[in-house]
Structures are given as C-alpha cells and as structure tokens.
Amino acid sequence: MDRNLALTRLAALLREVMDDESLIIDETSSVQQLEGWDSIAQVSIIAATETEFGLKIRLEELPSTYHVKGLLDIITARATK
C-alpha cells in the first residue's frame, strides 16, 4: 500500500478513536506527543487498525505500534484492504 495513502487513512482512524478531529498526525507522532493516546486508546487503535487495513498485528510488533511510523511500517508491508 502507498505510504501517503496509509498515513491519510491512519490519521483519520486515530482522530476517530481519540475523538479529536483537531489532531495533527504525521510519521513522527507518538503516544508521548498526542494527548489522549493512552493504554485504553492503544487497544482501540490496534483493533481499529487491524479492521481498517485487513491485517493482524503480531505480538512482537506491539512495541512499534506506539508510534505512527511503526504502524505505517506494518500497514504498508501487510495491508490487504
């Protein structure tokens, strides 16, 4: 999947999960930078990412899901939708 398209879709997903349309999200965004990205939101982000992109995030990939870049790496490598 094209990385720019994946970022656009992922950013929309993050805004929806965190219920904040004003969030500015790019590849450098991470849990430390985005207010509302806590452990509860993380579970929702992973579930929504798996559904939106048709993939399963592996246990060993979980640490990289706390960063937009890590999520994009997973999505661009394995997305089926």
N, C-alpha and C. Protein backbone atom coordinates (compact mmCIF):
# COMPACT_ATOMS: atom_id res chain seq x y z
N MET A 1 0.84 -1.18 0.00
CA MET A 1 0.00 0.00 0.00
C MET A 1 0.89 1.25 0.00
N ASP A 2 0.44 2.26 -0.72
CA ASP A 2 1.15 3.53 -0.78
C ASP A 2 1.22 4.15 0.62
N ARG A 3 2.40 4.60 1.02
CA ARG A 3 2.61 5.12 2.37
C ARG A 3 1.79 6.39 2.64
N ASN A 4 1.68 7.27 1.67
CA ASN A 4 0.91 8.51 1.88
C ASN A 4 -0.57 8.21 2.08
N LEU A 5 -1.10 7.28 1.29
CA LEU A 5 -2.50 6.88 1.45
C LEU A 5 -2.70 6.22 2.81
N ALA A 6 -1.75 5.37 3.20
CA ALA A 6 -1.84 4.71 4.51
C ALA A 6 -1.82 5.74 5.62
N LEU A 7 -0.97 6.76 5.52
CA LEU A 7 -0.90 7.80 6.55
C LEU A 7 -2.22 8.57 6.62
N THR A 8 -2.80 8.90 5.48
CA THR A 8 -4.07 9.62 5.46
C THR A 8 -5.15 8.81 6.16
N ARG A 9 -5.24 7.53 5.83
CA ARG A 9 -6.25 6.66 6.44
C ARG A 9 -5.98 6.45 7.93
N LEU A 10 -4.71 6.24 8.28
CA LEU A 10 -4.36 6.02 9.68
C LEU A 10 -4.63 7.27 10.51
N ALA A 11 -4.31 8.44 9.98
CA ALA A 11 -4.56 9.69 10.70
C ALA A 11 -6.06 9.87 10.97
N ALA A 12 -6.88 9.56 9.99
CA ALA A 12 -8.34 9.64 10.18
C ALA A 12 -8.79 8.66 11.25
N LEU A 13 -8.23 7.47 11.22
CA LEU A 13 -8.57 6.45 12.21
C LEU A 13 -8.17 6.91 13.62
N LEU A 14 -6.98 7.47 13.77
CA LEU A 14 -6.52 7.95 15.08
C LEU A 14 -7.40 9.08 15.59
N ARG A 15 -7.77 10.00 14.71
CA ARG A 15 -8.66 11.10 15.11
C ARG A 15 -10.01 10.56 15.59
N GLU A 16 -10.51 9.55 14.90
CA GLU A 16 -11.80 8.96 15.28
C GLU A 16 -11.69 8.23 16.62
N VAL A 17 -10.69 7.40 16.77
CA VAL A 17 -10.53 6.63 18.01
C VAL A 17 -10.34 7.55 19.21
N MET A 18 -9.55 8.62 19.01
CA MET A 18 -9.28 9.53 20.12
C MET A 18 -10.29 10.67 20.20
N ASP A 19 -11.28 10.63 19.31
CA ASP A 19 -12.38 11.60 19.31
C ASP A 19 -11.87 13.04 19.34
N ASP A 20 -10.92 13.32 18.43
CA ASP A 20 -10.35 14.66 18.35
C ASP A 20 -9.97 14.96 16.90
N GLU A 21 -10.86 15.63 16.21
CA GLU A 21 -10.63 15.97 14.80
C GLU A 21 -9.52 17.00 14.61
N SER A 22 -9.08 17.65 15.67
CA SER A 22 -8.06 18.68 15.54
C SER A 22 -6.63 18.12 15.60
N LEU A 23 -6.49 16.83 15.87
CA LEU A 23 -5.15 16.25 15.98
C LEU A 23 -4.38 16.38 14.67
N ILE A 24 -3.14 16.81 14.78
CA ILE A 24 -2.24 16.86 13.63
C ILE A 24 -1.32 15.66 13.75
N ILE A 25 -1.42 14.76 12.78
CA ILE A 25 -0.72 13.48 12.85
C ILE A 25 0.18 13.34 11.64
N ASP A 26 1.45 13.01 11.92
CA ASP A 26 2.38 12.70 10.84
C ASP A 26 3.23 11.50 11.27
N GLU A 27 4.22 11.15 10.48
CA GLU A 27 5.01 9.95 10.78
C GLU A 27 5.77 10.04 12.10
N THR A 28 6.01 11.24 12.58
CA THR A 28 6.77 11.39 13.83
C THR A 28 5.90 11.35 15.07
N SER A 29 4.60 11.32 14.90
CA SER A 29 3.67 11.32 16.04
C SER A 29 3.82 10.03 16.85
N SER A 30 3.67 10.18 18.16
CA SER A 30 3.79 9.01 19.03
C SER A 30 2.88 9.18 20.25
N VAL A 31 2.81 8.14 21.03
CA VAL A 31 1.98 8.13 22.23
C VAL A 31 2.35 9.28 23.17
N GLN A 32 3.62 9.64 23.23
CA GLN A 32 4.07 10.71 24.11
C GLN A 32 3.61 12.09 23.64
N GLN A 33 3.34 12.24 22.36
CA GLN A 33 3.02 13.56 21.81
C GLN A 33 1.52 13.84 21.69
N LEU A 34 0.73 12.81 21.57
CA LEU A 34 -0.69 13.01 21.31
C LEU A 34 -1.52 12.80 22.57
N GLU A 35 -2.13 13.88 23.02
CA GLU A 35 -2.98 13.80 24.20
C GLU A 35 -4.15 12.86 23.92
N GLY A 36 -4.39 11.99 24.83
CA GLY A 36 -5.48 11.04 24.66
C GLY A 36 -5.02 9.67 24.18
N TRP A 37 -3.76 9.56 23.74
CA TRP A 37 -3.25 8.27 23.30
C TRP A 37 -2.70 7.56 24.52
N ASP A 38 -3.59 6.91 25.25
CA ASP A 38 -3.22 6.20 26.47
C ASP A 38 -3.39 4.70 26.25
N SER A 39 -3.27 3.90 27.30
CA SER A 39 -3.34 2.45 27.14
C SER A 39 -4.70 1.98 26.65
N ILE A 40 -5.76 2.65 27.08
CA ILE A 40 -7.09 2.28 26.62
C ILE A 40 -7.24 2.61 25.13
N ALA A 41 -6.78 3.78 24.75
CA ALA A 41 -6.83 4.17 23.34
C ALA A 41 -5.96 3.23 22.51
N GLN A 42 -4.84 2.78 23.05
CA GLN A 42 -3.93 1.89 22.32
C GLN A 42 -4.63 0.60 21.89
N VAL A 43 -5.39 0.02 22.79
CA VAL A 43 -6.12 -1.21 22.45
C VAL A 43 -7.11 -0.93 21.32
N SER A 44 -7.80 0.18 21.40
CA SER A 44 -8.75 0.56 20.35
C SER A 44 -8.04 0.84 19.04
N ILE A 45 -6.88 1.49 19.10
CA ILE A 45 -6.11 1.80 17.89
C ILE A 45 -5.67 0.52 17.20
N ILE A 46 -5.19 -0.44 17.96
CA ILE A 46 -4.75 -1.70 17.37
C ILE A 46 -5.93 -2.42 16.72
N ALA A 47 -7.03 -2.53 17.44
CA ALA A 47 -8.21 -3.21 16.89
C ALA A 47 -8.72 -2.51 15.64
N ALA A 48 -8.80 -1.20 15.68
CA ALA A 48 -9.30 -0.44 14.53
C ALA A 48 -8.35 -0.54 13.34
N THR A 49 -7.05 -0.54 13.61
CA THR A 49 -6.05 -0.67 12.54
C THR A 49 -6.18 -2.04 11.87
N GLU A 50 -6.33 -3.08 12.67
CA GLU A 50 -6.48 -4.42 12.11
C GLU A 50 -7.73 -4.51 11.22
N THR A 51 -8.82 -3.94 11.67
CA THR A 51 -10.06 -3.96 10.90
C THR A 51 -9.96 -3.11 9.65
N GLU A 52 -9.48 -1.89 9.80
CA GLU A 52 -9.40 -0.95 8.68
C GLU A 52 -8.50 -1.45 7.56
N PHE A 53 -7.38 -2.07 7.91
CA PHE A 53 -6.39 -2.45 6.91
C PHE A 53 -6.33 -3.95 6.63
N GLY A 54 -7.19 -4.73 7.28
CA GLY A 54 -7.25 -6.16 7.00
C GLY A 54 -5.99 -6.92 7.35
N LEU A 55 -5.47 -6.68 8.53
CA LEU A 55 -4.25 -7.36 8.96
C LEU A 55 -4.34 -7.70 10.43
N LYS A 56 -3.42 -8.50 10.89
CA LYS A 56 -3.29 -8.81 12.31
C LYS A 56 -1.92 -8.35 12.77
N ILE A 57 -1.90 -7.58 13.84
CA ILE A 57 -0.63 -7.11 14.40
C ILE A 57 -0.09 -8.21 15.29
N ARG A 58 1.14 -8.60 15.03
CA ARG A 58 1.78 -9.68 15.76
C ARG A 58 2.29 -9.20 17.11
N LEU A 59 2.39 -10.12 18.05
CA LEU A 59 2.84 -9.81 19.40
C LEU A 59 4.18 -9.06 19.38
N GLU A 60 5.10 -9.51 18.57
CA GLU A 60 6.43 -8.87 18.53
C GLU A 60 6.40 -7.48 17.90
N GLU A 61 5.30 -7.14 17.24
CA GLU A 61 5.16 -5.82 16.63
C GLU A 61 4.54 -4.80 17.58
N LEU A 62 3.98 -5.25 18.68
CA LEU A 62 3.28 -4.33 19.60
C LEU A 62 4.10 -3.12 20.01
N PRO A 63 5.39 -3.25 20.37
CA PRO A 63 6.14 -2.04 20.77
C PRO A 63 6.18 -0.97 19.68
N SER A 64 6.20 -1.38 18.43
CA SER A 64 6.28 -0.38 17.35
C SER A 64 4.94 0.31 17.10
N THR A 65 3.85 -0.19 17.72
CA THR A 65 2.54 0.42 17.49
C THR A 65 2.31 1.67 18.33
N TYR A 66 3.28 2.04 19.14
CA TYR A 66 3.16 3.27 19.93
C TYR A 66 3.66 4.49 19.17
N HIS A 67 4.01 4.27 17.89
CA HIS A 67 4.49 5.34 17.02
C HIS A 67 3.77 5.21 15.68
N VAL A 68 3.40 6.33 15.09
CA VAL A 68 2.75 6.31 13.79
C VAL A 68 3.65 5.65 12.76
N LYS A 69 4.95 5.94 12.80
CA LYS A 69 5.88 5.34 11.84
C LYS A 69 5.85 3.82 11.93
N GLY A 70 5.83 3.27 13.13
CA GLY A 70 5.78 1.83 13.30
C GLY A 70 4.50 1.23 12.76
N LEU A 71 3.39 1.90 13.02
CA LEU A 71 2.11 1.44 12.47
C LEU A 71 2.13 1.48 10.94
N LEU A 72 2.69 2.55 10.39
CA LEU A 72 2.76 2.66 8.93
C LEU A 72 3.64 1.58 8.33
N ASP A 73 4.74 1.25 9.00
CA ASP A 73 5.61 0.18 8.50
C ASP A 73 4.84 -1.13 8.41
N ILE A 74 4.06 -1.44 9.43
CA ILE A 74 3.25 -2.66 9.44
C ILE A 74 2.19 -2.60 8.34
N ILE A 75 1.49 -1.48 8.26
CA ILE A 75 0.41 -1.33 7.27
C ILE A 75 0.94 -1.43 5.85
N THR A 76 2.00 -0.72 5.53
CA THR A 76 2.49 -0.73 4.15
C THR A 76 3.06 -2.09 3.76
N ALA A 77 3.51 -2.85 4.73
CA ALA A 77 4.06 -4.17 4.42
C ALA A 77 2.98 -5.23 4.25
N ARG A 78 1.86 -5.09 4.99
CA ARG A 78 0.94 -6.22 5.04
C ARG A 78 -0.55 -5.91 4.84
N ALA A 79 -0.91 -4.68 4.60
CA ALA A 79 -2.34 -4.36 4.47
C ALA A 79 -2.98 -5.10 3.30
N THR A 80 -4.19 -5.60 3.54
CA THR A 80 -4.92 -6.29 2.47
C THR A 80 -6.13 -5.48 1.99
N LYS A 81 -6.41 -4.38 2.67
CA LYS A 81 -7.54 -3.50 2.28
C LYS A 81 -7.00 -2.12 2.00
